[in-house]
């Protein structure tokens, strides 16, 4: 892991734990084993750290979602691949889910626009996969179903009380069932 990635991961954990305003640049630096001012070699400041955390993970969600969907051999596998990816992400990056939800208003406006654009493109991957599997769903219903499933999966920072493997199996089954029953 690069120093920049370490700083982003550490900052995300601290933001999730204490809130954006409860964390200083010095706190982040100390947690990374460097001085707070050394962070400025990598980021313009704490706002930039928050923006880069959410932008970079949104880029990763989208690129990995596109890759997994493209590599799937059929429509069922494409939807399963997206579910598996999002479950994996949620279970391995709970801090990013928390800060996305709780710290959105602290993101600079330009970062909010960039993150939202990436998120909408990611949702579109799900909509396309879901409509391929469920042609009976119109675009609005498919979008609503995908976003509802995100809510289910993204609840893991608050609901994961069983082993990671058991939680992954539970979330996968619930997500698949929810998407299969959408519009019923």
N, C-alpha and C. Protein backbone atom coordinates (compact mmCIF):
# COMPACT_ATOMS: atom_id res chain seq x y z
N UNK A 1 0.85 -1.18 0.00
CA UNK A 1 0.00 0.00 0.00
C UNK A 1 0.89 1.24 0.00
N UNK A 2 0.57 2.18 -0.87
CA UNK A 2 1.35 3.41 -0.94
C UNK A 2 1.04 4.29 0.27
N UNK A 3 1.90 5.26 0.52
CA UNK A 3 1.69 6.20 1.63
C UNK A 3 0.36 6.93 1.43
N UNK A 4 0.09 7.33 0.21
CA UNK A 4 -1.17 8.04 -0.10
C UNK A 4 -2.37 7.16 0.24
N UNK A 5 -2.34 5.89 -0.16
CA UNK A 5 -3.43 4.97 0.14
C UNK A 5 -3.57 4.75 1.64
N UNK A 6 -2.44 4.67 2.33
CA UNK A 6 -2.46 4.51 3.78
C UNK A 6 -3.14 5.71 4.44
N UNK A 7 -2.80 6.89 3.97
CA UNK A 7 -3.38 8.11 4.54
C UNK A 7 -4.89 8.13 4.29
N UNK A 8 -5.30 7.80 3.06
CA UNK A 8 -6.73 7.77 2.74
C UNK A 8 -7.48 6.78 3.62
N UNK A 9 -6.92 5.58 3.76
CA UNK A 9 -7.58 4.54 4.57
C UNK A 9 -7.66 4.95 6.04
N UNK A 10 -6.58 5.51 6.54
CA UNK A 10 -6.55 5.94 7.94
C UNK A 10 -7.53 7.08 8.17
N UNK A 11 -7.53 8.05 7.27
CA UNK A 11 -8.45 9.18 7.40
C UNK A 11 -9.90 8.71 7.36
N UNK A 12 -10.20 7.79 6.46
CA UNK A 12 -11.58 7.28 6.37
C UNK A 12 -11.98 6.62 7.69
N UNK A 13 -11.10 5.83 8.26
CA UNK A 13 -11.40 5.19 9.53
C UNK A 13 -11.64 6.20 10.64
N UNK A 14 -10.81 7.23 10.69
CA UNK A 14 -10.97 8.26 11.72
C UNK A 14 -12.24 9.09 11.48
N UNK A 15 -12.53 9.43 10.23
CA UNK A 15 -13.75 10.17 9.93
C UNK A 15 -14.98 9.37 10.32
N UNK A 16 -14.95 8.07 10.05
CA UNK A 16 -16.09 7.21 10.40
C UNK A 16 -16.24 7.10 11.91
N UNK A 17 -15.13 7.03 12.61
CA UNK A 17 -15.15 6.85 14.06
C UNK A 17 -15.53 8.13 14.81
N UNK A 18 -14.92 9.26 14.40
CA UNK A 18 -15.07 10.50 15.17
C UNK A 18 -15.84 11.61 14.45
N UNK A 19 -16.13 11.40 13.18
CA UNK A 19 -16.75 12.46 12.39
C UNK A 19 -15.69 13.36 11.78
N UNK A 20 -16.03 13.96 10.66
CA UNK A 20 -15.10 14.81 9.93
C UNK A 20 -14.57 15.94 10.81
N UNK A 21 -15.45 16.61 11.54
CA UNK A 21 -15.04 17.75 12.35
C UNK A 21 -14.34 17.33 13.64
N UNK A 22 -14.40 16.06 13.98
CA UNK A 22 -13.75 15.56 15.18
C UNK A 22 -12.34 15.05 14.95
N UNK A 23 -11.85 15.24 13.73
CA UNK A 23 -10.52 14.74 13.35
C UNK A 23 -9.70 15.90 12.80
N UNK A 24 -8.49 16.02 13.28
CA UNK A 24 -7.59 17.06 12.75
C UNK A 24 -6.57 16.43 11.81
N UNK A 25 -5.90 17.27 11.06
CA UNK A 25 -4.82 16.82 10.19
C UNK A 25 -3.72 16.17 11.05
N UNK A 26 -3.48 16.74 12.23
CA UNK A 26 -2.48 16.16 13.12
C UNK A 26 -2.90 14.77 13.59
N UNK A 27 -4.20 14.56 13.86
CA UNK A 27 -4.69 13.23 14.26
C UNK A 27 -4.43 12.21 13.15
N UNK A 28 -4.70 12.60 11.93
CA UNK A 28 -4.49 11.69 10.79
C UNK A 28 -3.01 11.39 10.63
N UNK A 29 -2.19 12.42 10.68
CA UNK A 29 -0.74 12.23 10.57
C UNK A 29 -0.21 11.31 11.67
N UNK A 30 -0.63 11.56 12.89
CA UNK A 30 -0.18 10.73 14.02
C UNK A 30 -0.57 9.27 13.82
N UNK A 31 -1.80 9.04 13.37
CA UNK A 31 -2.27 7.67 13.14
C UNK A 31 -1.50 6.99 12.01
N UNK A 32 -0.93 7.78 11.11
CA UNK A 32 -0.13 7.23 10.00
C UNK A 32 1.35 7.17 10.33
N UNK A 33 1.74 7.71 11.49
CA UNK A 33 3.14 7.69 11.88
C UNK A 33 3.96 8.79 11.23
N UNK A 34 3.27 9.88 10.84
CA UNK A 34 3.96 11.04 10.25
C UNK A 34 3.41 12.30 10.90
N UNK A 35 4.02 13.41 10.63
CA UNK A 35 3.50 14.67 11.17
C UNK A 35 2.28 15.10 10.36
N UNK A 36 1.41 15.85 10.98
CA UNK A 36 0.24 16.36 10.27
C UNK A 36 0.60 17.15 9.03
N UNK A 37 1.56 18.07 9.14
CA UNK A 37 1.94 18.84 7.94
C UNK A 37 2.49 17.98 6.81
N UNK A 38 3.02 16.80 7.11
CA UNK A 38 3.52 15.91 6.04
C UNK A 38 2.40 15.45 5.12
N UNK A 39 1.16 15.51 5.61
CA UNK A 39 0.01 15.13 4.77
C UNK A 39 -0.12 16.06 3.56
N UNK A 40 0.36 17.29 3.72
CA UNK A 40 0.21 18.26 2.63
C UNK A 40 1.09 17.93 1.42
N UNK A 41 1.98 16.96 1.56
CA UNK A 41 2.73 16.48 0.40
C UNK A 41 1.82 15.67 -0.53
N UNK A 42 0.74 15.13 0.04
CA UNK A 42 -0.16 14.26 -0.70
C UNK A 42 -1.54 14.86 -0.94
N UNK A 43 -1.98 15.75 -0.04
CA UNK A 43 -3.34 16.30 -0.10
C UNK A 43 -3.32 17.78 0.25
N UNK A 44 -4.27 18.51 -0.31
CA UNK A 44 -4.35 19.95 -0.06
C UNK A 44 -4.83 20.25 1.36
N UNK A 45 -5.49 19.30 1.99
CA UNK A 45 -6.00 19.50 3.34
C UNK A 45 -7.01 18.43 3.68
N UNK A 46 -7.67 18.63 4.80
CA UNK A 46 -8.63 17.64 5.29
C UNK A 46 -9.82 17.52 4.34
N UNK A 47 -10.29 18.63 3.78
CA UNK A 47 -11.39 18.58 2.80
C UNK A 47 -11.00 17.74 1.60
N UNK A 48 -9.76 17.91 1.15
CA UNK A 48 -9.27 17.15 0.01
C UNK A 48 -9.18 15.66 0.34
N UNK A 49 -8.78 15.34 1.56
CA UNK A 49 -8.74 13.95 2.00
C UNK A 49 -10.12 13.31 1.92
N UNK A 50 -11.12 14.01 2.42
CA UNK A 50 -12.49 13.49 2.37
C UNK A 50 -12.93 13.32 0.92
N UNK A 51 -12.68 14.35 0.12
CA UNK A 51 -13.09 14.31 -1.29
C UNK A 51 -12.38 13.17 -2.03
N UNK A 52 -11.08 13.02 -1.82
CA UNK A 52 -10.34 11.96 -2.50
C UNK A 52 -10.77 10.58 -2.01
N UNK A 53 -11.10 10.45 -0.73
CA UNK A 53 -11.58 9.16 -0.21
C UNK A 53 -12.83 8.72 -0.96
N UNK A 54 -13.80 9.62 -1.05
CA UNK A 54 -15.08 9.24 -1.66
C UNK A 54 -15.01 9.20 -3.18
N UNK A 55 -14.20 10.04 -3.78
CA UNK A 55 -14.05 9.99 -5.23
C UNK A 55 -13.33 8.73 -5.67
N UNK A 56 -12.24 8.41 -4.99
CA UNK A 56 -11.46 7.23 -5.41
C UNK A 56 -12.24 5.94 -5.21
N UNK A 57 -13.00 5.84 -4.14
CA UNK A 57 -13.75 4.61 -3.94
C UNK A 57 -14.92 4.54 -4.92
N UNK A 58 -15.49 5.66 -5.27
CA UNK A 58 -16.57 5.65 -6.27
C UNK A 58 -16.02 5.24 -7.63
N UNK A 59 -14.82 5.71 -7.96
CA UNK A 59 -14.18 5.29 -9.21
C UNK A 59 -13.92 3.79 -9.21
N UNK A 60 -13.47 3.28 -8.05
CA UNK A 60 -13.18 1.85 -7.96
C UNK A 60 -14.45 1.01 -8.05
N UNK A 61 -15.51 1.44 -7.37
CA UNK A 61 -16.78 0.72 -7.46
C UNK A 61 -17.22 0.61 -8.91
N UNK A 62 -17.17 1.73 -9.63
CA UNK A 62 -17.60 1.76 -11.02
C UNK A 62 -16.71 0.90 -11.91
N UNK A 63 -15.41 1.07 -11.81
CA UNK A 63 -14.53 0.32 -12.73
C UNK A 63 -14.60 -1.18 -12.46
N UNK A 64 -14.63 -1.58 -11.21
CA UNK A 64 -14.71 -3.00 -10.89
C UNK A 64 -16.09 -3.55 -11.24
N UNK A 65 -17.13 -2.78 -11.01
CA UNK A 65 -18.47 -3.22 -11.40
C UNK A 65 -18.57 -3.42 -12.90
N UNK A 66 -18.02 -2.49 -13.68
CA UNK A 66 -18.02 -2.63 -15.14
C UNK A 66 -17.24 -3.87 -15.57
N UNK A 67 -16.08 -4.05 -14.95
CA UNK A 67 -15.23 -5.19 -15.32
C UNK A 67 -15.95 -6.51 -15.02
N UNK A 68 -16.49 -6.62 -13.85
CA UNK A 68 -17.15 -7.89 -13.48
C UNK A 68 -18.37 -8.15 -14.35
N UNK A 69 -19.12 -7.12 -14.64
CA UNK A 69 -20.30 -7.31 -15.50
C UNK A 69 -19.87 -7.71 -16.91
N UNK A 70 -18.84 -7.07 -17.43
CA UNK A 70 -18.37 -7.37 -18.79
C UNK A 70 -17.81 -8.79 -18.91
N UNK A 71 -17.21 -9.29 -17.85
CA UNK A 71 -16.61 -10.62 -17.88
C UNK A 71 -17.61 -11.74 -17.59
N UNK A 72 -18.80 -11.39 -17.19
CA UNK A 72 -19.80 -12.41 -16.86
C UNK A 72 -20.28 -13.11 -18.12
N UNK A 73 -20.46 -14.42 -18.07
CA UNK A 73 -20.85 -15.17 -19.26
C UNK A 73 -22.32 -15.00 -19.67
N UNK A 74 -23.18 -14.56 -18.73
CA UNK A 74 -24.59 -14.38 -19.08
C UNK A 74 -25.22 -13.37 -18.12
N UNK A 75 -26.51 -13.09 -18.35
CA UNK A 75 -27.20 -12.07 -17.56
C UNK A 75 -27.29 -12.42 -16.08
N UNK A 76 -27.56 -13.68 -15.77
CA UNK A 76 -27.61 -14.09 -14.36
C UNK A 76 -26.26 -13.88 -13.69
N UNK A 77 -25.21 -14.30 -14.37
CA UNK A 77 -23.86 -14.17 -13.81
C UNK A 77 -23.47 -12.70 -13.66
N UNK A 78 -23.93 -11.85 -14.58
CA UNK A 78 -23.61 -10.42 -14.49
C UNK A 78 -24.23 -9.82 -13.23
N UNK A 79 -25.48 -10.15 -12.98
CA UNK A 79 -26.14 -9.63 -11.79
C UNK A 79 -25.49 -10.21 -10.53
N UNK A 80 -25.18 -11.48 -10.55
CA UNK A 80 -24.50 -12.11 -9.41
C UNK A 80 -23.13 -11.47 -9.17
N UNK A 81 -22.43 -11.13 -10.24
CA UNK A 81 -21.11 -10.52 -10.11
C UNK A 81 -21.20 -9.14 -9.47
N UNK A 82 -22.22 -8.38 -9.85
CA UNK A 82 -22.41 -7.06 -9.23
C UNK A 82 -22.77 -7.19 -7.76
N UNK A 83 -23.65 -8.12 -7.45
CA UNK A 83 -24.01 -8.34 -6.05
C UNK A 83 -22.77 -8.74 -5.25
N UNK A 84 -22.02 -9.70 -5.76
CA UNK A 84 -20.82 -10.17 -5.05
C UNK A 84 -19.83 -9.03 -4.83
N UNK A 85 -19.65 -8.20 -5.85
CA UNK A 85 -18.71 -7.08 -5.74
C UNK A 85 -19.17 -6.10 -4.67
N UNK A 86 -20.44 -5.75 -4.68
CA UNK A 86 -20.90 -4.75 -3.71
C UNK A 86 -20.87 -5.31 -2.29
N UNK A 87 -21.21 -6.58 -2.13
CA UNK A 87 -21.13 -7.21 -0.81
C UNK A 87 -19.67 -7.22 -0.33
N UNK A 88 -18.77 -7.61 -1.20
CA UNK A 88 -17.34 -7.62 -0.86
C UNK A 88 -16.89 -6.23 -0.43
N UNK A 89 -17.26 -5.22 -1.22
CA UNK A 89 -16.89 -3.85 -0.89
C UNK A 89 -17.43 -3.45 0.47
N UNK A 90 -18.71 -3.70 0.70
CA UNK A 90 -19.35 -3.28 1.95
C UNK A 90 -18.71 -3.94 3.17
N UNK A 91 -18.34 -5.19 3.03
CA UNK A 91 -17.75 -5.89 4.17
C UNK A 91 -16.29 -5.52 4.41
N UNK A 92 -15.61 -5.04 3.38
CA UNK A 92 -14.19 -4.70 3.55
C UNK A 92 -13.94 -3.20 3.72
N UNK A 93 -14.94 -2.37 3.43
CA UNK A 93 -14.76 -0.91 3.53
C UNK A 93 -15.91 -0.25 4.29
N UNK A 94 -16.23 -0.73 5.48
CA UNK A 94 -17.38 -0.13 6.19
C UNK A 94 -17.17 1.35 6.52
N UNK A 95 -15.95 1.77 6.77
CA UNK A 95 -15.70 3.17 7.10
C UNK A 95 -16.11 4.08 5.94
N UNK A 96 -15.85 3.65 4.72
CA UNK A 96 -16.21 4.48 3.56
C UNK A 96 -17.73 4.59 3.40
N UNK A 97 -18.43 3.54 3.75
CA UNK A 97 -19.89 3.60 3.71
C UNK A 97 -20.40 4.59 4.75
N UNK A 98 -19.82 4.54 5.93
CA UNK A 98 -20.23 5.47 6.99
C UNK A 98 -19.95 6.91 6.59
N UNK A 99 -18.75 7.19 6.09
CA UNK A 99 -18.46 8.58 5.76
C UNK A 99 -19.26 9.06 4.55
N UNK A 100 -19.53 8.16 3.61
CA UNK A 100 -20.38 8.55 2.47
C UNK A 100 -21.74 9.01 2.97
N UNK A 101 -22.28 8.28 3.91
CA UNK A 101 -23.60 8.60 4.45
C UNK A 101 -23.56 9.82 5.36
N UNK A 102 -22.64 9.84 6.29
CA UNK A 102 -22.64 10.84 7.34
C UNK A 102 -21.95 12.14 6.98
N UNK A 103 -20.95 12.09 6.11
CA UNK A 103 -20.14 13.28 5.85
C UNK A 103 -20.40 13.93 4.49
N UNK A 104 -21.44 13.49 3.81
CA UNK A 104 -21.75 14.02 2.47
C UNK A 104 -21.78 15.54 2.47
N UNK A 105 -22.42 16.14 3.46
CA UNK A 105 -22.58 17.59 3.49
C UNK A 105 -21.25 18.31 3.69
N UNK A 106 -20.22 17.62 4.15
CA UNK A 106 -18.91 18.23 4.33
C UNK A 106 -18.04 18.17 3.07
N UNK A 107 -18.51 17.46 2.07
CA UNK A 107 -17.77 17.41 0.81
C UNK A 107 -17.89 18.74 0.08
N UNK A 108 -16.81 19.24 -0.47
CA UNK A 108 -16.92 20.44 -1.32
C UNK A 108 -17.88 20.16 -2.48
N UNK A 109 -18.54 21.19 -2.96
CA UNK A 109 -19.57 21.04 -3.99
C UNK A 109 -19.05 20.33 -5.25
N UNK A 110 -17.85 20.67 -5.68
CA UNK A 110 -17.29 20.03 -6.88
C UNK A 110 -17.09 18.54 -6.64
N UNK A 111 -16.66 18.17 -5.45
CA UNK A 111 -16.47 16.75 -5.13
C UNK A 111 -17.82 16.04 -5.06
N UNK A 112 -18.83 16.71 -4.53
CA UNK A 112 -20.17 16.11 -4.49
C UNK A 112 -20.64 15.79 -5.91
N UNK A 113 -20.44 16.73 -6.83
CA UNK A 113 -20.85 16.50 -8.21
C UNK A 113 -20.08 15.33 -8.83
N UNK A 114 -18.78 15.29 -8.61
CA UNK A 114 -17.95 14.21 -9.18
C UNK A 114 -18.35 12.86 -8.61
N UNK A 115 -18.54 12.79 -7.32
CA UNK A 115 -18.93 11.52 -6.69
C UNK A 115 -20.31 11.11 -7.17
N UNK A 116 -21.23 12.04 -7.23
CA UNK A 116 -22.59 11.72 -7.66
C UNK A 116 -22.59 11.21 -9.10
N UNK A 117 -21.79 11.81 -9.97
CA UNK A 117 -21.71 11.35 -11.37
C UNK A 117 -21.20 9.90 -11.44
N UNK A 118 -20.18 9.60 -10.65
CA UNK A 118 -19.65 8.23 -10.61
C UNK A 118 -20.68 7.26 -10.04
N UNK A 119 -21.38 7.68 -9.01
CA UNK A 119 -22.40 6.82 -8.41
C UNK A 119 -23.53 6.54 -9.39
N UNK A 120 -23.94 7.54 -10.13
CA UNK A 120 -25.02 7.34 -11.11
C UNK A 120 -24.58 6.37 -12.21
N UNK A 121 -23.32 6.47 -12.62
CA UNK A 121 -22.81 5.53 -13.62
C UNK A 121 -22.78 4.12 -13.06
N UNK A 122 -22.43 3.98 -11.78
CA UNK A 122 -22.42 2.66 -11.14
C UNK A 122 -23.84 2.11 -11.05
N UNK A 123 -24.77 2.94 -10.68
CA UNK A 123 -26.18 2.52 -10.64
C UNK A 123 -26.63 2.07 -12.02
N UNK A 124 -26.20 2.78 -13.05
CA UNK A 124 -26.57 2.41 -14.42
C UNK A 124 -26.08 1.01 -14.79
N UNK A 125 -24.91 0.62 -14.27
CA UNK A 125 -24.42 -0.75 -14.50
C UNK A 125 -25.40 -1.76 -13.91
N UNK A 126 -25.88 -1.49 -12.73
CA UNK A 126 -26.85 -2.36 -12.08
C UNK A 126 -28.18 -2.37 -12.83
N UNK A 127 -28.61 -1.20 -13.26
CA UNK A 127 -29.88 -1.10 -13.99
C UNK A 127 -29.80 -1.93 -15.26
N UNK A 128 -28.72 -1.80 -16.00
CA UNK A 128 -28.56 -2.56 -17.25
C UNK A 128 -28.55 -4.06 -16.97
N UNK A 129 -27.83 -4.47 -15.94
CA UNK A 129 -27.77 -5.90 -15.60
C UNK A 129 -29.13 -6.41 -15.14
N UNK A 130 -29.80 -5.61 -14.35
CA UNK A 130 -31.11 -6.03 -13.84
C UNK A 130 -32.14 -6.08 -14.96
N UNK A 131 -32.16 -5.10 -15.84
CA UNK A 131 -33.12 -5.11 -16.95
C UNK A 131 -32.83 -6.24 -17.93
N UNK A 132 -31.56 -6.59 -18.10
CA UNK A 132 -31.25 -7.74 -18.97
C UNK A 132 -31.83 -9.02 -18.37
N UNK A 133 -31.77 -9.12 -17.07
CA UNK A 133 -32.30 -10.30 -16.37
C UNK A 133 -33.80 -10.21 -16.17
N UNK A 134 -34.29 -8.99 -16.01
CA UNK A 134 -35.71 -8.75 -15.73
C UNK A 134 -36.27 -7.72 -16.71
N UNK A 135 -36.51 -8.11 -17.97
CA UNK A 135 -36.99 -7.15 -18.97
C UNK A 135 -38.37 -6.56 -18.64
N UNK A 136 -39.07 -7.17 -17.69
CA UNK A 136 -40.37 -6.64 -17.29
C UNK A 136 -40.25 -5.35 -16.47
N UNK A 137 -39.06 -5.04 -15.97
CA UNK A 137 -38.86 -3.84 -15.15
C UNK A 137 -38.54 -2.64 -16.04
N UNK A 138 -39.24 -1.55 -15.82
CA UNK A 138 -38.87 -0.32 -16.52
C UNK A 138 -37.64 0.27 -15.83
N UNK A 139 -37.03 1.23 -16.47
CA UNK A 139 -35.77 1.81 -15.97
C UNK A 139 -35.92 2.38 -14.56
N UNK A 140 -37.00 3.11 -14.32
CA UNK A 140 -37.19 3.72 -13.00
C UNK A 140 -37.32 2.66 -11.92
N UNK A 141 -38.05 1.59 -12.21
CA UNK A 141 -38.21 0.51 -11.23
C UNK A 141 -36.90 -0.23 -11.00
N UNK A 142 -36.15 -0.45 -12.06
CA UNK A 142 -34.86 -1.12 -11.93
C UNK A 142 -33.90 -0.27 -11.10
N UNK A 143 -33.91 1.03 -11.34
CA UNK A 143 -33.05 1.95 -10.57
C UNK A 143 -33.45 1.94 -9.10
N UNK A 144 -34.74 2.01 -8.84
CA UNK A 144 -35.21 1.99 -7.45
C UNK A 144 -34.84 0.69 -6.76
N UNK A 145 -34.97 -0.42 -7.48
CA UNK A 145 -34.62 -1.73 -6.90
C UNK A 145 -33.13 -1.80 -6.60
N UNK A 146 -32.31 -1.34 -7.52
CA UNK A 146 -30.85 -1.36 -7.30
C UNK A 146 -30.48 -0.51 -6.09
N UNK A 147 -31.04 0.67 -6.00
CA UNK A 147 -30.71 1.55 -4.88
C UNK A 147 -31.23 0.98 -3.55
N UNK A 148 -32.37 0.31 -3.57
CA UNK A 148 -32.87 -0.33 -2.35
C UNK A 148 -31.91 -1.44 -1.91
N UNK A 149 -31.39 -2.19 -2.87
CA UNK A 149 -30.43 -3.25 -2.55
C UNK A 149 -29.14 -2.64 -2.01
N UNK A 150 -28.70 -1.50 -2.54
CA UNK A 150 -27.53 -0.82 -1.98
C UNK A 150 -27.78 -0.52 -0.50
N UNK A 151 -28.98 -0.03 -0.20
CA UNK A 151 -29.31 0.27 1.20
C UNK A 151 -29.19 -0.96 2.08
N UNK A 152 -29.68 -2.07 1.58
CA UNK A 152 -29.59 -3.33 2.31
C UNK A 152 -28.12 -3.71 2.54
N UNK A 153 -27.36 -3.74 1.47
CA UNK A 153 -25.96 -4.15 1.58
C UNK A 153 -25.15 -3.14 2.39
N UNK A 154 -25.41 -1.86 2.18
CA UNK A 154 -24.64 -0.82 2.86
C UNK A 154 -25.00 -0.67 4.33
N UNK A 155 -25.94 -1.47 4.81
CA UNK A 155 -26.26 -1.44 6.24
C UNK A 155 -25.22 -2.19 7.06
N UNK A 156 -24.28 -2.86 6.42
CA UNK A 156 -23.34 -3.73 7.14
C UNK A 156 -22.51 -3.04 8.22
N UNK A 157 -22.14 -1.75 8.09
CA UNK A 157 -21.39 -1.17 9.21
C UNK A 157 -22.19 -1.20 10.52
N UNK A 158 -23.50 -1.31 10.41
CA UNK A 158 -24.36 -1.29 11.59
C UNK A 158 -24.98 -2.66 11.90
N UNK A 159 -25.00 -3.56 10.91
CA UNK A 159 -25.73 -4.82 11.09
C UNK A 159 -24.89 -6.08 11.08
N UNK A 160 -23.63 -5.99 10.72
CA UNK A 160 -22.81 -7.19 10.61
C UNK A 160 -22.45 -7.71 12.00
N UNK A 161 -23.24 -8.66 12.46
CA UNK A 161 -23.04 -9.23 13.80
C UNK A 161 -22.66 -10.71 13.75
N UNK A 162 -22.45 -11.20 12.53
CA UNK A 162 -22.06 -12.59 12.34
C UNK A 162 -20.75 -12.60 11.57
N UNK A 163 -20.19 -13.76 11.35
CA UNK A 163 -18.90 -13.82 10.64
C UNK A 163 -19.02 -13.18 9.26
N UNK A 164 -17.89 -12.75 8.74
CA UNK A 164 -17.88 -12.11 7.42
C UNK A 164 -18.43 -13.04 6.35
N UNK A 165 -18.04 -14.31 6.39
CA UNK A 165 -18.54 -15.26 5.40
C UNK A 165 -20.05 -15.45 5.51
N UNK A 166 -20.54 -15.58 6.74
CA UNK A 166 -21.98 -15.74 6.94
C UNK A 166 -22.73 -14.48 6.52
N UNK A 167 -22.15 -13.32 6.82
CA UNK A 167 -22.79 -12.06 6.44
C UNK A 167 -22.81 -11.92 4.92
N UNK A 168 -21.73 -12.29 4.26
CA UNK A 168 -21.68 -12.23 2.80
C UNK A 168 -22.74 -13.13 2.19
N UNK A 169 -22.88 -14.33 2.71
CA UNK A 169 -23.90 -15.26 2.19
C UNK A 169 -25.30 -14.72 2.43
N UNK A 170 -25.53 -14.17 3.61
CA UNK A 170 -26.84 -13.61 3.93
C UNK A 170 -27.18 -12.43 3.03
N UNK A 171 -26.26 -11.49 2.90
CA UNK A 171 -26.49 -10.32 2.05
C UNK A 171 -26.70 -10.70 0.59
N UNK A 172 -25.92 -11.65 0.11
CA UNK A 172 -26.05 -12.10 -1.27
C UNK A 172 -27.42 -12.70 -1.52
N UNK A 173 -27.85 -13.57 -0.63
CA UNK A 173 -29.18 -14.20 -0.78
C UNK A 173 -30.29 -13.16 -0.69
N UNK A 174 -30.17 -12.24 0.25
CA UNK A 174 -31.21 -11.22 0.41
C UNK A 174 -31.26 -10.26 -0.79
N UNK A 175 -30.08 -9.88 -1.29
CA UNK A 175 -30.03 -8.98 -2.44
C UNK A 175 -30.64 -9.64 -3.66
N UNK A 176 -30.27 -10.90 -3.90
CA UNK A 176 -30.81 -11.63 -5.05
C UNK A 176 -32.33 -11.76 -4.93
N UNK A 177 -32.82 -12.12 -3.75
CA UNK A 177 -34.26 -12.26 -3.53
C UNK A 177 -34.98 -10.92 -3.73
N UNK A 178 -34.39 -9.86 -3.24
CA UNK A 178 -35.01 -8.54 -3.39
C UNK A 178 -35.09 -8.15 -4.87
N UNK A 179 -34.03 -8.40 -5.62
CA UNK A 179 -34.03 -8.04 -7.04
C UNK A 179 -34.98 -8.94 -7.83
N UNK A 180 -35.09 -10.18 -7.45
CA UNK A 180 -36.02 -11.10 -8.13
C UNK A 180 -37.47 -10.72 -7.88
N UNK A 181 -37.73 -10.15 -6.70
CA UNK A 181 -39.12 -9.82 -6.36
C UNK A 181 -39.48 -8.38 -6.74
N UNK A 182 -38.54 -7.62 -7.23
CA UNK A 182 -38.80 -6.22 -7.58
C UNK A 182 -39.94 -6.14 -8.60
N UNK A 183 -40.86 -5.27 -8.32
CA UNK A 183 -41.98 -5.06 -9.24
C UNK A 183 -43.06 -6.09 -9.14
N UNK A 184 -42.92 -7.05 -8.25
CA UNK A 184 -43.94 -8.12 -8.12
C UNK A 184 -45.17 -7.62 -7.39
